[in-house]
Amino acid sequence: MISVSESSATPHPRIRLDDNFASPIRFSLMASLGDGIELDFAALREILQCADSPLSKAITHLQAGGYVVARKASLGSRPRTWVRSTRLGRDAFEGHLQALREIVALGGQNSL
């Protein structure tokens, strides 16, 4: 069992959780955009099973934080939006996942 003095010496991993991934759509969006993967808006909408507006808001939010880059291009006569994660975004997402893993591990240590 961990004593109070031991546990306060090390900050709880929840402190390293990134609020940019608090939304399930933003979290799922980042999970879909692995290293080097670029997906168009329609593919992301299908993968994430969400409507246009929440997906657009998620992309805008993550783009403002520098976590994704969106580019507009045409495919034939139709405009398309393509999205990919940045190095900053991938590193932040991996740090968020690591903090979640540590939280789960701590919970297992405190089982009775």
Protein backbone atom coordinates (compact mmCIF):
# COMPACT_ATOMS: atom_id res chain seq x y z
CA MET A 1 0.00 0.00 0.00
CA ILE A 2 1.25 3.51 -0.82
CA SER A 3 1.43 5.96 2.06
CA VAL A 4 0.15 9.52 1.72
CA SER A 5 3.67 10.95 1.89
CA GLU A 6 4.87 8.63 -0.91
CA SER A 7 1.91 9.39 -3.17
CA SER A 8 2.28 13.17 -2.78
CA ALA A 9 5.96 13.00 -3.81
CA THR A 10 4.97 11.92 -7.32
CA PRO A 11 2.31 13.91 -9.15
CA HIS A 12 -0.71 11.87 -10.18
CA PRO A 13 -0.61 11.05 -13.92
CA ARG A 14 -4.02 12.74 -14.43
CA ILE A 15 -2.10 16.03 -14.34
CA ARG A 16 -0.52 15.04 -17.68
CA LEU A 17 -3.87 14.40 -19.38
CA ASP A 18 -4.35 16.76 -22.30
CA ASP A 19 -7.72 18.56 -22.29
CA ASN A 20 -7.55 18.73 -26.08
CA PHE A 21 -8.48 15.04 -26.06
CA ALA A 22 -11.33 15.35 -23.53
CA SER A 23 -13.90 15.19 -26.31
CA PRO A 24 -14.54 11.63 -27.54
CA ILE A 25 -14.57 12.87 -31.13
CA ARG A 26 -11.21 14.67 -30.79
CA PHE A 27 -9.75 11.62 -29.01
CA SER A 28 -11.03 9.28 -31.74
CA LEU A 29 -9.86 11.64 -34.47
CA MET A 30 -6.30 11.59 -33.15
CA ALA A 31 -6.43 7.81 -32.74
CA SER A 32 -7.41 7.55 -36.42
CA LEU A 33 -4.55 9.74 -37.63
CA GLY A 34 -1.47 7.64 -36.97
CA ASP A 35 1.99 8.61 -38.16
CA GLY A 36 1.87 9.53 -41.84
CA ILE A 37 -1.87 8.90 -42.24
CA GLU A 38 -3.88 11.56 -44.02
CA LEU A 39 -7.63 11.08 -44.32
CA ASP A 40 -10.28 13.12 -46.04
CA PHE A 41 -13.24 14.56 -44.18
CA ALA A 42 -15.72 12.01 -45.54
CA ALA A 43 -13.53 9.08 -44.48
CA LEU A 44 -13.11 10.54 -41.00
CA ARG A 45 -16.85 11.13 -40.72
CA GLU A 46 -17.46 7.48 -41.61
CA ILE A 47 -14.76 6.12 -39.29
CA LEU A 48 -15.89 8.26 -36.35
CA GLN A 49 -19.59 7.82 -37.11
CA CYS A 50 -20.41 11.44 -36.46
CA ALA A 51 -22.09 14.35 -38.20
CA ASP A 52 -20.27 17.04 -40.17
CA SER A 53 -20.58 19.81 -37.58
CA PRO A 54 -18.99 17.99 -34.59
CA LEU A 55 -16.21 16.67 -36.82
CA SER A 56 -15.54 20.10 -38.26
CA LYS A 57 -15.41 21.60 -34.75
CA ALA A 58 -13.02 18.85 -33.60
CA ILE A 59 -10.69 19.46 -36.55
CA THR A 60 -10.77 23.23 -35.95
CA HIS A 61 -10.01 22.76 -32.24
CA LEU A 62 -7.08 20.41 -32.85
CA GLN A 63 -5.79 22.59 -35.68
CA ALA A 64 -5.78 25.65 -33.39
CA GLY A 65 -3.61 23.66 -30.95
CA GLY A 66 -1.20 22.65 -33.71
CA TYR A 67 -2.17 18.98 -33.36
CA VAL A 68 -3.52 18.51 -36.90
CA VAL A 69 -3.14 20.17 -40.27
CA ALA A 70 -6.09 20.43 -42.64
CA ARG A 71 -5.61 21.16 -46.30
CA LYS A 72 -8.20 21.85 -48.91
CA ALA A 73 -7.92 20.42 -52.41
CA SER A 74 -10.21 19.40 -55.23
CA LEU A 75 -10.84 15.88 -56.36
CA GLY A 76 -12.30 16.40 -59.78
CA SER A 77 -14.79 19.20 -59.40
CA ARG A 78 -15.50 18.48 -55.72
CA PRO A 79 -13.67 20.33 -52.94
CA ARG A 80 -12.18 18.06 -50.27
CA THR A 81 -10.59 18.59 -46.88
CA TRP A 82 -7.69 16.33 -45.93
CA VAL A 83 -6.47 16.04 -42.34
CA ARG A 84 -3.23 14.70 -40.89
CA SER A 85 -1.68 14.82 -37.44
CA THR A 86 1.46 16.82 -36.73
CA ARG A 87 4.49 15.64 -34.77
CA LEU A 88 3.31 17.86 -31.90
CA GLY A 89 -0.13 16.25 -32.03
CA ARG A 90 1.20 12.69 -32.15
CA ASP A 91 3.56 13.36 -29.24
CA ALA A 92 0.77 14.98 -27.19
CA PHE A 93 -1.58 12.10 -27.94
CA GLU A 94 1.04 9.51 -26.97
CA GLY A 95 1.67 11.40 -23.71
CA HIS A 96 -2.07 11.41 -23.04
CA LEU A 97 -2.28 7.66 -23.69
CA GLN A 98 0.71 7.02 -21.41
CA ALA A 99 -0.94 9.01 -18.62
CA LEU A 100 -4.13 6.94 -19.07
CA ARG A 101 -2.10 3.72 -18.86
CA GLU A 102 -0.45 4.92 -15.65
CA ILE A 103 -3.81 5.83 -14.14
CA VAL A 104 -5.12 2.34 -14.90
CA ALA A 105 -1.96 0.78 -13.43
CA LEU A 106 -2.34 2.84 -10.25
CA GLY A 107 -5.92 1.69 -9.93
CA GLY A 108 -4.77 -1.94 -10.11
CA GLN A 109 -2.25 -1.33 -7.31
CA ASN A 110 -4.94 0.01 -5.01
CA SER A 111 -7.28 -2.98 -5.37
CA LEU A 112 -8.34 -4.63 -2.15
